[in-house]
Protein backbone atom coordinates (compact mmCIF):
# COMPACT_ATOMS: atom_id res chain seq x y z
CA UNK A 1 80.94 94.23 109.98
CA UNK A 2 79.21 94.88 107.27
CA UNK A 3 76.38 93.32 108.53
CA UNK A 4 75.77 96.78 110.56
CA UNK A 5 76.07 98.32 107.86
CA UNK A 6 72.14 99.37 106.52
CA UNK A 7 71.13 99.35 110.36
CA UNK A 8 73.58 102.32 111.46
CA UNK A 9 72.81 104.13 108.39
CA UNK A 10 68.94 103.86 109.16
CA UNK A 11 69.74 104.75 112.89
CA UNK A 12 71.67 107.68 111.53
CA UNK A 13 68.92 108.45 109.42
CA UNK A 14 66.46 108.72 111.99
CA UNK A 15 68.68 111.28 114.23
CA UNK A 16 69.67 113.24 111.49
CA UNK A 17 66.80 113.40 109.09
CA UNK A 18 69.16 113.40 106.32
CA UNK A 19 70.27 109.89 104.80
CA UNK A 20 72.98 111.72 102.82
CA UNK A 21 74.24 112.71 105.21
CA UNK A 22 74.24 109.17 107.22
CA UNK A 23 75.88 107.64 104.41
CA UNK A 24 78.69 109.57 104.29
CA UNK A 25 79.14 109.11 108.40
CA UNK A 26 78.64 105.66 108.00
CA UNK A 27 81.26 105.52 104.77
CA UNK A 28 83.93 107.19 106.81
CA UNK A 29 83.15 105.14 110.19
CA UNK A 30 83.64 101.85 108.50
CA UNK A 31 87.44 103.96 107.03
CA UNK A 32 88.28 104.23 110.40
CA UNK A 33 87.48 101.05 111.72
CA UNK A 34 89.28 99.67 108.77
CA UNK A 35 92.20 101.87 109.20
CA UNK A 36 92.99 101.42 112.98
CA UNK A 37 96.32 101.45 113.62
CA UNK A 38 95.92 98.70 116.23
CA UNK A 39 95.88 94.61 116.34
CA UNK A 40 94.03 94.07 119.19
CA UNK A 41 90.92 92.88 118.17
CA UNK A 42 87.69 94.90 118.52
CA UNK A 43 85.64 92.97 121.28
CA UNK A 44 82.26 94.79 120.47
CA UNK A 45 82.20 95.43 116.75
CA UNK A 46 78.86 96.86 116.30
CA UNK A 47 79.05 98.86 119.62
CA UNK A 48 82.73 99.93 118.15
CA UNK A 49 81.37 101.02 114.75
CA UNK A 50 78.27 102.99 116.12
CA UNK A 51 80.26 105.16 118.72
CA UNK A 52 82.75 106.09 115.66
CA UNK A 53 79.74 106.96 113.44
CA UNK A 54 77.94 108.81 116.14
CA UNK A 55 81.71 110.49 117.11
CA UNK A 56 82.12 111.60 113.09
CA UNK A 57 78.46 113.17 113.17
CA UNK A 58 79.23 115.01 116.69
CA UNK A 59 82.66 116.24 115.17
CA UNK A 60 81.25 117.31 112.06
CA UNK A 61 78.44 119.67 113.63
CA UNK A 62 80.92 121.19 115.72
CA UNK A 63 83.09 122.00 113.21
CA UNK A 64 79.50 123.58 111.32
CA UNK A 65 78.38 125.23 114.47
CA UNK A 66 81.62 127.30 115.15
CA UNK A 67 82.35 128.47 111.85
CA UNK A 68 81.32 131.78 111.57
CA UNK A 69 78.62 133.31 108.79
CA UNK A 70 79.95 135.61 106.96
CA UNK A 71 77.88 137.43 104.18
CA UNK A 72 78.78 136.52 100.67
CA UNK A 73 80.09 139.48 99.48
CA UNK A 74 82.85 139.96 102.57
CA UNK A 75 83.64 136.18 101.28
CA UNK A 76 84.32 137.08 97.54
CA UNK A 77 86.31 140.56 98.44
CA UNK A 78 88.14 138.14 100.70
CA UNK A 79 89.13 135.95 98.37
CA UNK A 80 89.92 138.69 95.78
CA UNK A 81 92.61 139.78 97.99
CA UNK A 82 93.26 136.81 99.89
CA UNK A 83 93.01 133.68 97.29
CA UNK A 84 95.02 130.49 97.59
CA UNK A 85 98.55 131.16 97.35
CA UNK A 86 100.55 129.83 94.28
CA UNK A 87 102.46 126.82 96.70
CA UNK A 88 99.07 126.15 98.12
CA UNK A 89 97.24 125.65 94.50
CA UNK A 90 100.15 123.57 93.61
CA UNK A 91 99.68 121.45 96.26
CA UNK A 92 96.25 120.82 95.62
CA UNK A 93 96.86 120.25 92.16
CA UNK A 94 99.85 117.55 93.13
CA UNK A 95 97.07 115.95 95.57
CA UNK A 96 94.62 116.20 92.53
CA UNK A 97 97.16 114.12 90.34
CA UNK A 98 97.57 111.60 92.78
CA UNK A 99 94.10 111.00 93.98
CA UNK A 100 93.53 110.69 90.06
CA UNK A 101 96.32 108.08 89.67
CA UNK A 102 95.14 106.18 93.21
CA UNK A 103 91.42 106.14 91.51
CA UNK A 104 92.68 104.95 88.09
CA UNK A 105 94.12 101.69 90.26
CA UNK A 106 90.93 100.86 91.36
CA UNK A 107 88.65 97.85 89.22
CA UNK A 108 86.23 100.01 86.61
CA UNK A 109 83.10 99.04 88.94
CA UNK A 110 84.79 100.23 92.40
CA UNK A 111 85.93 103.75 90.54
CA UNK A 112 82.45 104.04 89.13
CA UNK A 113 80.44 103.49 92.09
CA UNK A 114 82.90 106.11 94.03
CA UNK A 115 82.75 108.62 91.63
CA UNK A 116 78.67 108.22 90.95
CA UNK A 117 78.50 108.85 94.84
CA UNK A 118 80.90 111.65 95.27
CA UNK A 119 80.87 113.78 92.18
CA UNK A 120 77.08 112.95 91.32
CA UNK A 121 75.51 112.98 94.49
CA UNK A 122 73.97 109.39 93.31
CA UNK A 123 71.96 107.47 96.37
CA UNK A 124 73.23 103.40 96.74
CA UNK A 125 70.03 102.41 95.08
CA UNK A 126 70.53 105.02 92.23
CA UNK A 127 73.88 103.89 91.62
CA UNK A 128 72.95 100.07 91.62
CA UNK A 129 70.29 100.40 89.15
CA UNK A 130 73.18 102.60 87.22
CA UNK A 131 75.22 100.10 87.10
CA UNK A 132 73.20 97.08 87.21
CA UNK A 133 74.89 95.66 90.37
CA UNK A 134 73.33 95.19 94.06
CA UNK A 135 73.46 98.09 96.35
CA UNK A 136 75.39 95.99 98.87
CA UNK A 137 77.96 95.54 96.31
CA UNK A 138 77.37 99.69 95.46
CA UNK A 139 78.66 100.29 99.54
CA UNK A 140 81.42 97.89 99.65
CA UNK A 141 82.99 99.72 96.39
CA UNK A 142 82.62 102.50 98.10
CA UNK A 143 84.15 101.86 101.00
CA UNK A 144 86.59 100.17 99.39
CA UNK A 145 87.19 102.98 97.00
CA UNK A 146 87.74 105.14 99.99
CA UNK A 147 90.32 103.48 101.97
CA UNK A 148 91.92 102.63 98.89
CA UNK A 149 92.69 106.35 97.98
CA UNK A 150 93.23 107.38 101.62
CA UNK A 151 96.32 104.53 101.89
CA UNK A 152 97.87 105.41 98.48
CA UNK A 153 97.61 109.27 99.02
CA UNK A 154 99.07 108.68 102.73
CA UNK A 155 101.71 106.26 101.04
CA UNK A 156 102.72 109.10 98.27
CA UNK A 157 102.97 111.75 100.21
CA UNK A 158 105.22 110.43 102.93
CA UNK A 159 107.48 109.98 100.11
């Protein structure tokens, strides 16, 4: 299924006009497919992957369209009065701690690829050049890091 990665990014980029959004959707699609609960083999992996990616893009678009637009002043004033509760701040801090632990378990290049993409917003070619590795290896590292973090977070939160 990894053979379809670049092809799917090109396809979504042509549809969306935004390579970064296309790459993120493809990453998420790969993670969804890898985390599938079913033991039944996928008969048409290319079609399944395309459908998963398109569904993620559609879902993301629906979320963005249905979100009401509020003036910044209103959001600022509401946040002062309705800031996160102490409990949700603790939950977020605990989740961040768990995420840091999961990232620490990754091999260095895998972790660095993921962080450069998600925190620095670097493109795959930029990461590949920065780390001196191939673009396909960068793509594999990012998908593996996402899958590892999701699996570990679920394991730790279930305890």
